Structure formats: structure tokens, C-alpha cells
């Protein structure tokens, strides 16, 4: 299976930048350094191909956004409580940087962000903020 990394990378970056949160460009730069966009999603399972991680992350985000859209229909105040950008960032945090750091041989430990600015970014990305 070949993946057009350019298309998925651009879609991923567009979603991240749509959040307009401080620190997004730093996170994007670090993802580039860690090899996120070239990394497979897993070592021996789904999307175990170059670029698989970015595609997996997009799939995760799209699924989260569909659930969020459906829940807004049931509870209209949800959009104020959990903004769209929080859904995007939370799904990215779960499917993206941690897996990327595990996949990249020189990446940081999977349980830690490399710098305090990223720990701060993660805190600011929590749902409802």
C-alpha cells in the first residue's frame, strides 16, 4: 500500500492550524524533526507503511469530529463546552505525537514531551479549554 504523504500531511497541517492556538507552529516543527510524517502507524499491524502515522492520525481526528458533530445535535451547548479545536487537538495528542515519538529512533520517550513548552501545549489542548 502506497500513501500519498503530501496530501495527508497537508490535511493534517490544515486541521492543526485551524485551531489557531499558541504553540502550534512549535509542535509542527517538532513533528517534522521527529519524522512523524514519514513514520508508520505501527511496527507490524495497521498502516505499517511510510506515512501511515499521519493517515492514522487523520482517521482518528475525523472519527472524533463526527462523534462531536453528532453529540452537538443531542446537546447544543456542547460546542461552547468543548470547542471544535479541542476535539482536533485531543485526537492529535492521542494518535499523533506519542506514537510518533515511539516510531522515531531518536524521538523522546513515549510518555514524556521533549520540552516544557510541549507539556504546556498539551495542558492547553485539553478538552474544554
N, C-alpha and C. Protein backbone atom coordinates (compact mmCIF):
# COMPACT_ATOMS: atom_id res chain seq x y z
N UNK A 1 0.85 -1.19 0.00
CA UNK A 1 0.00 0.00 0.00
C UNK A 1 0.89 1.24 0.00
N UNK A 2 0.68 2.10 -0.97
CA UNK A 2 1.40 3.37 -1.03
C UNK A 2 0.49 4.48 -0.52
N UNK A 3 1.07 5.39 0.23
CA UNK A 3 0.32 6.51 0.79
C UNK A 3 0.89 7.80 0.22
N UNK A 4 0.02 8.68 -0.26
CA UNK A 4 0.45 9.99 -0.74
C UNK A 4 0.65 10.88 0.48
N UNK A 5 1.85 10.86 1.00
CA UNK A 5 2.15 11.59 2.24
C UNK A 5 1.85 13.08 2.09
N UNK A 6 2.11 13.64 0.93
CA UNK A 6 1.92 15.08 0.71
C UNK A 6 0.48 15.49 0.97
N UNK A 7 -0.46 14.73 0.46
CA UNK A 7 -1.88 15.06 0.63
C UNK A 7 -2.29 14.96 2.10
N UNK A 8 -1.93 13.86 2.75
CA UNK A 8 -2.32 13.67 4.15
C UNK A 8 -1.60 14.63 5.08
N UNK A 9 -0.35 14.91 4.79
CA UNK A 9 0.39 15.88 5.60
C UNK A 9 -0.28 17.25 5.53
N UNK A 10 -0.65 17.68 4.33
CA UNK A 10 -1.28 18.99 4.19
C UNK A 10 -2.62 19.04 4.92
N UNK A 11 -3.40 17.98 4.80
CA UNK A 11 -4.69 17.94 5.51
C UNK A 11 -4.48 17.99 7.02
N UNK A 12 -3.49 17.25 7.50
CA UNK A 12 -3.15 17.23 8.92
C UNK A 12 -2.74 18.63 9.39
N UNK A 13 -1.86 19.28 8.62
CA UNK A 13 -1.39 20.62 8.98
C UNK A 13 -2.53 21.64 8.93
N UNK A 14 -3.41 21.52 7.94
CA UNK A 14 -4.56 22.43 7.86
C UNK A 14 -5.45 22.30 9.09
N UNK A 15 -5.69 21.08 9.53
CA UNK A 15 -6.52 20.88 10.73
C UNK A 15 -5.83 21.47 11.96
N UNK A 16 -4.54 21.22 12.12
CA UNK A 16 -3.84 21.78 13.27
C UNK A 16 -3.87 23.30 13.25
N UNK A 17 -3.55 23.87 12.11
CA UNK A 17 -3.50 25.34 12.01
C UNK A 17 -4.89 25.97 12.16
N UNK A 18 -5.94 25.24 11.85
CA UNK A 18 -7.29 25.78 12.00
C UNK A 18 -7.62 26.06 13.46
N UNK A 19 -6.87 25.48 14.36
CA UNK A 19 -7.12 25.67 15.80
C UNK A 19 -6.67 27.03 16.30
N UNK A 20 -5.70 27.62 15.63
CA UNK A 20 -5.21 28.96 15.97
C UNK A 20 -4.81 29.07 17.45
N UNK A 21 -4.16 28.05 17.95
CA UNK A 21 -3.67 28.08 19.34
C UNK A 21 -2.19 28.43 19.35
N UNK A 22 -1.77 29.10 20.41
CA UNK A 22 -0.34 29.39 20.58
C UNK A 22 0.43 28.08 20.67
N UNK A 23 1.58 28.05 20.06
CA UNK A 23 2.44 26.88 20.14
C UNK A 23 2.25 25.88 19.02
N UNK A 24 1.27 26.07 18.15
CA UNK A 24 1.01 25.11 17.07
C UNK A 24 2.23 24.99 16.17
N UNK A 25 2.83 26.11 15.79
CA UNK A 25 3.99 26.05 14.89
C UNK A 25 5.16 25.31 15.53
N UNK A 26 5.34 25.46 16.83
CA UNK A 26 6.39 24.71 17.53
C UNK A 26 6.13 23.21 17.48
N UNK A 27 4.88 22.85 17.69
CA UNK A 27 4.51 21.43 17.64
C UNK A 27 4.75 20.88 16.24
N UNK A 28 4.33 21.63 15.23
CA UNK A 28 4.53 21.19 13.84
C UNK A 28 6.01 21.01 13.54
N UNK A 29 6.83 21.95 13.97
CA UNK A 29 8.28 21.82 13.75
C UNK A 29 8.84 20.58 14.42
N UNK A 30 8.39 20.31 15.64
CA UNK A 30 8.88 19.12 16.34
C UNK A 30 8.41 17.84 15.65
N UNK A 31 7.18 17.82 15.17
CA UNK A 31 6.69 16.64 14.45
C UNK A 31 7.56 16.38 13.22
N UNK A 32 7.93 17.44 12.54
CA UNK A 32 8.84 17.30 11.38
C UNK A 32 10.16 16.70 11.82
N UNK A 33 10.75 17.25 12.89
CA UNK A 33 12.05 16.75 13.39
C UNK A 33 11.98 15.29 13.81
N UNK A 34 10.88 14.88 14.40
CA UNK A 34 10.73 13.51 14.89
C UNK A 34 10.43 12.51 13.79
N UNK A 35 10.15 13.00 12.58
CA UNK A 35 9.84 12.08 11.50
C UNK A 35 8.40 11.61 11.50
N UNK A 36 7.52 12.37 12.12
CA UNK A 36 6.11 12.00 12.24
C UNK A 36 5.47 11.70 10.89
N UNK A 37 5.72 12.53 9.90
CA UNK A 37 5.02 12.41 8.63
C UNK A 37 5.50 11.23 7.78
N UNK A 38 6.66 10.71 8.08
CA UNK A 38 7.19 9.54 7.37
C UNK A 38 7.00 8.24 8.14
N UNK A 39 6.64 8.35 9.41
CA UNK A 39 6.58 7.17 10.28
C UNK A 39 5.39 6.26 9.96
N UNK A 40 5.56 4.96 10.17
CA UNK A 40 4.41 4.05 10.05
C UNK A 40 3.51 4.21 11.28
N UNK A 41 2.28 3.76 11.17
CA UNK A 41 1.36 3.84 12.31
C UNK A 41 1.69 2.80 13.37
N UNK A 42 2.26 1.69 12.95
CA UNK A 42 2.64 0.64 13.90
C UNK A 42 3.82 -0.12 13.32
N UNK A 43 4.41 -0.93 14.16
CA UNK A 43 5.58 -1.69 13.71
C UNK A 43 5.21 -2.97 12.98
N UNK A 44 4.01 -3.47 13.15
CA UNK A 44 3.68 -4.72 12.49
C UNK A 44 2.20 -4.94 12.24
N UNK A 45 1.42 -3.86 12.36
CA UNK A 45 -0.02 -4.02 12.22
C UNK A 45 -0.57 -3.03 11.19
N UNK A 46 -1.65 -2.34 11.52
CA UNK A 46 -2.33 -1.43 10.59
C UNK A 46 -1.42 -0.29 10.14
N UNK A 47 -1.53 0.06 8.85
CA UNK A 47 -0.79 1.17 8.26
C UNK A 47 0.70 1.14 8.57
N UNK A 48 1.28 -0.04 8.47
CA UNK A 48 2.71 -0.23 8.69
C UNK A 48 3.46 0.11 7.40
N UNK A 49 3.30 1.37 6.97
CA UNK A 49 3.95 1.86 5.76
C UNK A 49 4.41 3.30 6.01
N UNK A 50 5.32 3.76 5.19
CA UNK A 50 5.77 5.14 5.29
C UNK A 50 4.56 6.06 5.15
N UNK A 51 4.38 6.96 6.11
CA UNK A 51 3.25 7.88 6.10
C UNK A 51 2.01 7.35 6.78
N UNK A 52 2.07 6.13 7.28
CA UNK A 52 0.90 5.52 7.92
C UNK A 52 0.44 6.24 9.16
N UNK A 53 1.37 6.83 9.90
CA UNK A 53 1.00 7.50 11.14
C UNK A 53 0.16 8.74 10.88
N UNK A 54 0.53 9.53 9.89
CA UNK A 54 -0.27 10.73 9.61
C UNK A 54 -1.66 10.34 9.12
N UNK A 55 -1.77 9.29 8.31
CA UNK A 55 -3.09 8.83 7.86
C UNK A 55 -3.91 8.31 9.04
N UNK A 56 -3.30 7.53 9.92
CA UNK A 56 -3.99 7.03 11.11
C UNK A 56 -4.47 8.21 11.98
N UNK A 57 -3.63 9.21 12.13
CA UNK A 57 -3.99 10.38 12.94
C UNK A 57 -5.16 11.13 12.33
N UNK A 58 -5.17 11.27 11.00
CA UNK A 58 -6.30 11.91 10.33
C UNK A 58 -7.58 11.11 10.53
N UNK A 59 -7.48 9.80 10.39
CA UNK A 59 -8.66 8.95 10.58
C UNK A 59 -9.22 9.11 11.99
N UNK A 60 -8.33 9.16 12.97
CA UNK A 60 -8.73 9.33 14.37
C UNK A 60 -9.44 10.66 14.57
N UNK A 61 -8.87 11.70 14.00
CA UNK A 61 -9.46 13.03 14.15
C UNK A 61 -10.82 13.11 13.47
N UNK A 62 -10.91 12.60 12.26
CA UNK A 62 -12.18 12.64 11.54
C UNK A 62 -13.27 11.88 12.29
N UNK A 63 -12.92 10.75 12.86
CA UNK A 63 -13.89 9.98 13.65
C UNK A 63 -14.32 10.77 14.88
N UNK A 64 -13.37 11.40 15.56
CA UNK A 64 -13.70 12.20 16.75
C UNK A 64 -14.60 13.38 16.39
N UNK A 65 -14.32 14.02 15.25
CA UNK A 65 -15.14 15.14 14.82
C UNK A 65 -16.57 14.70 14.46
N UNK A 66 -16.70 13.52 13.87
CA UNK A 66 -18.04 13.01 13.55
C UNK A 66 -18.84 12.73 14.82
N UNK A 67 -18.19 12.16 15.81
CA UNK A 67 -18.86 11.92 17.10
C UNK A 67 -19.26 13.26 17.72
N UNK A 68 -18.35 14.23 17.69
CA UNK A 68 -18.62 15.56 18.25
C UNK A 68 -19.80 16.21 17.55
N UNK A 69 -19.84 16.13 16.21
CA UNK A 69 -20.96 16.71 15.44
C UNK A 69 -22.28 16.05 15.85
N UNK A 70 -22.28 14.74 15.98
CA UNK A 70 -23.48 14.03 16.39
C UNK A 70 -23.92 14.40 17.79
N UNK A 71 -22.96 14.55 18.68
CA UNK A 71 -23.30 14.91 20.06
C UNK A 71 -23.83 16.34 20.15
N UNK A 72 -23.36 17.22 19.29
CA UNK A 72 -23.89 18.59 19.27
C UNK A 72 -25.37 18.61 18.92
N UNK A 73 -25.80 17.66 18.08
CA UNK A 73 -27.21 17.57 17.73
C UNK A 73 -28.04 17.21 18.96
N UNK A 74 -27.49 16.37 19.81
CA UNK A 74 -28.19 15.95 21.03
C UNK A 74 -28.10 17.00 22.13
N UNK A 75 -26.97 17.69 22.18
CA UNK A 75 -26.74 18.67 23.24
C UNK A 75 -26.10 19.93 22.63
N UNK A 76 -26.93 20.91 22.23
CA UNK A 76 -26.42 22.10 21.54
C UNK A 76 -25.39 22.91 22.33
N UNK A 77 -25.39 22.82 23.64
CA UNK A 77 -24.42 23.59 24.43
C UNK A 77 -23.02 22.98 24.38
N UNK A 78 -22.91 21.79 23.82
CA UNK A 78 -21.61 21.11 23.77
C UNK A 78 -20.55 21.95 23.06
N UNK A 79 -20.95 22.66 22.03
CA UNK A 79 -19.98 23.45 21.26
C UNK A 79 -19.30 24.51 22.12
N UNK A 80 -20.03 25.08 23.07
CA UNK A 80 -19.43 26.05 23.99
C UNK A 80 -18.52 25.36 24.99
N UNK A 81 -18.93 24.20 25.44
CA UNK A 81 -18.17 23.46 26.45
C UNK A 81 -16.95 22.77 25.88
N UNK A 82 -17.07 22.24 24.68
CA UNK A 82 -15.98 21.52 24.02
C UNK A 82 -15.86 22.06 22.60
N UNK A 83 -15.03 23.07 22.41
CA UNK A 83 -14.88 23.64 21.08
C UNK A 83 -14.26 22.66 20.08
N UNK A 84 -14.53 22.88 18.81
CA UNK A 84 -14.03 22.01 17.74
C UNK A 84 -12.50 21.86 17.80
N UNK A 85 -11.79 22.96 18.06
CA UNK A 85 -10.33 22.85 18.08
C UNK A 85 -9.84 21.95 19.21
N UNK A 86 -10.58 21.88 20.30
CA UNK A 86 -10.19 20.97 21.38
C UNK A 86 -10.32 19.51 20.94
N UNK A 87 -11.34 19.22 20.15
CA UNK A 87 -11.52 17.86 19.63
C UNK A 87 -10.35 17.51 18.70
N UNK A 88 -10.00 18.44 17.82
CA UNK A 88 -8.89 18.22 16.90
C UNK A 88 -7.60 17.98 17.66
N UNK A 89 -7.30 18.84 18.60
CA UNK A 89 -6.04 18.74 19.34
C UNK A 89 -5.99 17.51 20.24
N UNK A 90 -7.11 17.18 20.87
CA UNK A 90 -7.13 16.00 21.72
C UNK A 90 -6.94 14.73 20.89
N UNK A 91 -7.56 14.66 19.72
CA UNK A 91 -7.39 13.47 18.89
C UNK A 91 -5.97 13.40 18.34
N UNK A 92 -5.36 14.53 18.07
CA UNK A 92 -3.98 14.57 17.62
C UNK A 92 -3.04 14.08 18.73
N UNK A 93 -3.31 14.52 19.93
CA UNK A 93 -2.46 14.13 21.05
C UNK A 93 -2.49 12.63 21.29
N UNK A 94 -3.67 12.04 21.09
CA UNK A 94 -3.80 10.61 21.32
C UNK A 94 -3.20 9.78 20.20
N UNK A 95 -3.40 10.21 18.97
CA UNK A 95 -2.98 9.38 17.84
C UNK A 95 -1.65 9.82 17.25
N UNK A 96 -1.20 11.01 17.60
CA UNK A 96 -0.06 11.54 16.88
C UNK A 96 1.27 11.52 17.61
N UNK A 97 1.59 12.59 18.33
CA UNK A 97 2.94 12.76 18.84
C UNK A 97 3.48 11.60 19.66
N UNK A 98 2.68 10.98 20.49
CA UNK A 98 3.20 9.88 21.29
C UNK A 98 3.59 8.70 20.42
N UNK A 99 2.74 8.35 19.47
CA UNK A 99 3.11 7.26 18.57
C UNK A 99 4.32 7.65 17.76
N UNK A 100 4.37 8.89 17.32
CA UNK A 100 5.50 9.35 16.54
C UNK A 100 6.78 9.21 17.33
N UNK A 101 6.76 9.61 18.59
CA UNK A 101 7.98 9.54 19.38
C UNK A 101 8.41 8.10 19.59
N UNK A 102 7.45 7.17 19.59
CA UNK A 102 7.81 5.76 19.72
C UNK A 102 8.40 5.24 18.41
N UNK A 103 7.91 5.75 17.29
CA UNK A 103 8.33 5.24 15.99
C UNK A 103 9.67 5.78 15.55
N UNK A 104 10.00 6.96 16.00
CA UNK A 104 11.24 7.60 15.55
C UNK A 104 12.38 7.19 16.47
N UNK A 105 13.48 6.68 15.91
CA UNK A 105 14.55 6.15 16.75
C UNK A 105 15.20 7.18 17.66
N UNK A 106 15.17 8.45 17.29
CA UNK A 106 15.78 9.47 18.13
C UNK A 106 14.74 10.32 18.85
N UNK A 107 13.48 9.93 18.76
CA UNK A 107 12.41 10.70 19.39
C UNK A 107 12.43 10.56 20.91
N UNK A 108 11.68 11.42 21.58
CA UNK A 108 11.64 11.37 23.04
C UNK A 108 10.86 10.16 23.54
N UNK A 109 10.96 9.92 24.80
CA UNK A 109 10.21 8.84 25.43
C UNK A 109 8.72 9.00 25.14
N UNK A 110 8.05 7.91 24.92
CA UNK A 110 6.63 7.96 24.56
C UNK A 110 5.76 8.59 25.64
N UNK A 111 6.21 8.57 26.88
CA UNK A 111 5.40 9.09 27.98
C UNK A 111 5.72 10.52 28.34
N UNK A 112 6.67 11.13 27.65
CA UNK A 112 7.08 12.48 28.00
C UNK A 112 7.13 13.36 26.76
N UNK A 113 6.84 14.61 26.94
CA UNK A 113 7.05 15.58 25.88
C UNK A 113 8.48 16.06 26.02
N UNK A 114 9.13 16.48 24.94
CA UNK A 114 10.55 16.79 25.00
C UNK A 114 10.90 18.07 25.74
N UNK A 115 10.00 19.03 25.80
CA UNK A 115 10.30 20.29 26.47
C UNK A 115 9.10 20.75 27.26
N UNK A 116 9.33 21.69 28.14
CA UNK A 116 8.22 22.20 28.95
C UNK A 116 7.18 22.90 28.09
N UNK A 117 7.60 23.50 26.96
CA UNK A 117 6.61 24.18 26.13
C UNK A 117 5.58 23.18 25.61
N UNK A 118 6.00 21.93 25.36
CA UNK A 118 5.06 20.94 24.88
C UNK A 118 4.17 20.42 25.99
N UNK A 119 4.70 20.31 27.19
CA UNK A 119 3.84 19.94 28.29
C UNK A 119 2.77 21.02 28.47
N UNK A 120 3.17 22.28 28.33
CA UNK A 120 2.21 23.38 28.43
C UNK A 120 1.21 23.30 27.31
N UNK A 121 1.68 23.01 26.10
CA UNK A 121 0.78 22.90 24.96
C UNK A 121 -0.24 21.80 25.21
N UNK A 122 0.23 20.67 25.73
CA UNK A 122 -0.68 19.55 25.99
C UNK A 122 -1.74 19.95 27.00
N UNK A 123 -1.35 20.68 28.02
CA UNK A 123 -2.31 21.14 29.02
C UNK A 123 -3.34 22.05 28.37
N UNK A 124 -2.91 22.95 27.51
CA UNK A 124 -3.83 23.88 26.87
C UNK A 124 -4.72 23.22 25.84
N UNK A 125 -4.37 22.02 25.44
CA UNK A 125 -5.16 21.31 24.44
C UNK A 125 -6.24 20.44 25.05
N UNK A 126 -6.31 20.39 26.35
CA UNK A 126 -7.30 19.50 26.96
C UNK A 126 -8.70 19.95 26.59
N UNK A 127 -9.59 19.02 26.55
CA UNK A 127 -10.96 19.28 26.12
C UNK A 127 -11.60 20.30 27.06
N UNK A 128 -12.26 21.26 26.44
CA UNK A 128 -13.00 22.26 27.19
C UNK A 128 -12.23 23.51 27.49
N UNK A 129 -10.94 23.57 27.12
CA UNK A 129 -10.18 24.80 27.36
C UNK A 129 -10.10 25.63 26.11
